[in-house]
Amino acid sequence: MERIQELMGRLEDLSDAEIAELEGLILTEFDAAEASEQTMESVERMVTLADSLDTVRQHVTLRNERAEQMAEQARAAAA
């Protein structure tokens, strides 16, 4: 969980490989929490992890949109 928190804190600066690692870590932790005895703590952990995964995926979408916009601007400038 510490690695997830560390990577989430640097989300803007992560490489594509680190983002993939982060998604994998979140999914692994979520699966572990889901497989454990359902307690208030495990459910809270699952919610936190699901929220983190949503944040990562939103960031990836935004990053891709920005890259597409920059590519379009570069094409327009080159024309």
C-alpha atoms as a PDB file:
ATOM      1  CA  MET A   1       0.000   0.000   0.000  1.00  0.00           C
ATOM      2  CA  GLU A   2       2.952   2.316   0.665  1.00  0.00           C
ATOM      3  CA  ARG A   3       4.173   1.995  -2.928  1.00  0.00           C
ATOM      4  CA  ILE A   4       0.679   2.842  -4.186  1.00  0.00           C
ATOM      5  CA  GLN A   5       0.540   5.941  -2.000  1.00  0.00           C
ATOM      6  CA  GLU A   6       4.016   7.001  -3.105  1.00  0.00           C
ATOM      7  CA  LEU A   7       3.155   6.631  -6.787  1.00  0.00           C
ATOM      8  CA  MET A   8      -0.219   8.359  -6.352  1.00  0.00           C
ATOM      9  CA  GLY A   9       1.617  11.304  -4.802  1.00  0.00           C
ATOM     10  CA  ARG A  10       3.735  11.608  -7.957  1.00  0.00           C
ATOM     11  CA  LEU A  11       1.001  10.797 -10.469  1.00  0.00           C
ATOM     12  CA  GLU A  12       1.667  13.836 -12.675  1.00  0.00           C
ATOM     13  CA  ASP A  13       5.326  12.882 -13.049  1.00  0.00           C
ATOM     14  CA  LEU A  14       4.964   9.142 -13.655  1.00  0.00           C
ATOM     15  CA  SER A  15       6.090   7.502 -16.857  1.00  0.00           C
ATOM     16  CA  ASP A  16       3.742   5.229 -18.763  1.00  0.00           C
ATOM     17  CA  ALA A  17       5.542   2.213 -17.281  1.00  0.00           C
ATOM     18  CA  GLU A  18       5.103   3.533 -13.741  1.00  0.00           C
ATOM     19  CA  ILE A  19       1.415   4.171 -14.384  1.00  0.00           C
ATOM     20  CA  ALA A  20       1.043   0.586 -15.603  1.00  0.00           C
ATOM     21  CA  GLU A  21       2.856  -0.586 -12.463  1.00  0.00           C
ATOM     22  CA  LEU A  22       0.546   1.524 -10.305  1.00  0.00           C
ATOM     23  CA  GLU A  23      -2.572   0.102 -11.952  1.00  0.00           C
ATOM     24  CA  GLY A  24      -1.242  -3.411 -11.399  1.00  0.00           C
ATOM     25  CA  LEU A  25      -0.457  -2.725  -7.756  1.00  0.00           C
ATOM     26  CA  ILE A  26      -3.916  -1.275  -7.159  1.00  0.00           C
ATOM     27  CA  LEU A  27      -5.636  -4.243  -8.797  1.00  0.00           C
ATOM     28  CA  THR A  28      -3.508  -6.722  -6.821  1.00  0.00           C
ATOM     29  CA  GLU A  29      -4.274  -4.971  -3.533  1.00  0.00           C
ATOM     30  CA  PHE A  30      -7.962  -4.766  -4.424  1.00  0.00           C
ATOM     31  CA  ASP A  31      -8.093  -8.493  -5.180  1.00  0.00           C
ATOM     32  CA  ALA A  32      -6.383  -9.238  -1.861  1.00  0.00           C
ATOM     33  CA  ALA A  33      -8.836  -7.037   0.029  1.00  0.00           C
ATOM     34  CA  GLU A  34     -11.770  -8.598  -1.791  1.00  0.00           C
ATOM     35  CA  ALA A  35     -10.553 -12.116  -0.969  1.00  0.00           C
ATOM     36  CA  SER A  36     -10.065 -11.331   2.707  1.00  0.00           C
ATOM     37  CA  GLU A  37     -12.725 -11.469   5.373  1.00  0.00           C
ATOM     38  CA  GLN A  38     -15.200  -8.664   4.771  1.00  0.00           C
ATOM     39  CA  THR A  39     -14.678  -6.192   7.580  1.00  0.00           C
ATOM     40  CA  MET A  40     -15.214  -2.472   7.716  1.00  0.00           C
ATOM     41  CA  GLU A  41     -11.467  -2.011   7.180  1.00  0.00           C
ATOM     42  CA  SER A  42     -11.264  -4.291   4.139  1.00  0.00           C
ATOM     43  CA  VAL A  43     -14.310  -2.664   2.549  1.00  0.00           C
ATOM     44  CA  GLU A  44     -12.861   0.809   3.184  1.00  0.00           C
ATOM     45  CA  ARG A  45      -9.595  -0.352   1.629  1.00  0.00           C
ATOM     46  CA  MET A  46     -11.462  -1.624  -1.424  1.00  0.00           C
ATOM     47  CA  VAL A  47     -13.276   1.716  -1.789  1.00  0.00           C
ATOM     48  CA  THR A  48     -10.017   3.631  -1.454  1.00  0.00           C
ATOM     49  CA  LEU A  49      -8.329   1.416  -4.025  1.00  0.00           C
ATOM     50  CA  ALA A  50     -11.257   1.718  -6.449  1.00  0.00           C
ATOM     51  CA  ASP A  51     -11.131   5.498  -6.087  1.00  0.00           C
ATOM     52  CA  SER A  52      -7.385   5.447  -6.697  1.00  0.00           C
ATOM     53  CA  LEU A  53      -7.835   3.363  -9.831  1.00  0.00           C
ATOM     54  CA  ASP A  54     -10.487   5.792 -11.093  1.00  0.00           C
ATOM     55  CA  THR A  55      -8.092   8.684 -10.475  1.00  0.00           C
ATOM     56  CA  VAL A  56      -5.278   6.936 -12.356  1.00  0.00           C
ATOM     57  CA  ARG A  57      -7.519   6.127 -15.312  1.00  0.00           C
ATOM     58  CA  GLN A  58      -8.844   9.700 -15.443  1.00  0.00           C
ATOM     59  CA  HIS A  59      -5.268  10.951 -15.410  1.00  0.00           C
ATOM     60  CA  VAL A  60      -4.334   8.633 -18.284  1.00  0.00           C
ATOM     61  CA  THR A  61      -7.320   9.862 -20.292  1.00  0.00           C
ATOM     62  CA  LEU A  62      -6.364  13.477 -19.647  1.00  0.00           C
ATOM     63  CA  ARG A  63      -2.722  12.776 -20.512  1.00  0.00           C
ATOM     64  CA  ASN A  64      -3.764  11.167 -23.794  1.00  0.00           C
ATOM     65  CA  GLU A  65      -6.053  14.094 -24.637  1.00  0.00           C
ATOM     66  CA  ARG A  66      -3.209  16.548 -23.974  1.00  0.00           C
ATOM     67  CA  ALA A  67      -0.847  14.547 -26.182  1.00  0.00           C
ATOM     68  CA  GLU A  68      -3.444  14.515 -28.937  1.00  0.00           C
ATOM     69  CA  GLN A  69      -3.926  18.282 -28.643  1.00  0.00           C
ATOM     70  CA  MET A  70      -0.180  18.877 -28.813  1.00  0.00           C
ATOM     71  CA  ALA A  71       0.116  16.634 -31.853  1.00  0.00           C
ATOM     72  CA  GLU A  72      -2.710  18.570 -33.533  1.00  0.00           C
ATOM     73  CA  GLN A  73      -1.013  21.871 -32.727  1.00  0.00           C
ATOM     74  CA  ALA A  74       2.262  20.546 -34.117  1.00  0.00           C
ATOM     75  CA  ARG A  75       0.520  19.472 -37.334  1.00  0.00           C
ATOM     76  CA  ALA A  76      -1.136  22.880 -37.618  1.00  0.00           C
ATOM     77  CA  ALA A  77       2.166  24.666 -37.027  1.00  0.00           C
ATOM     78  CA  ALA A  78       3.880  22.524 -39.643  1.00  0.00           C
ATOM     79  CA  ALA A  79       1.189  23.202 -42.240  1.00  0.00           C
END
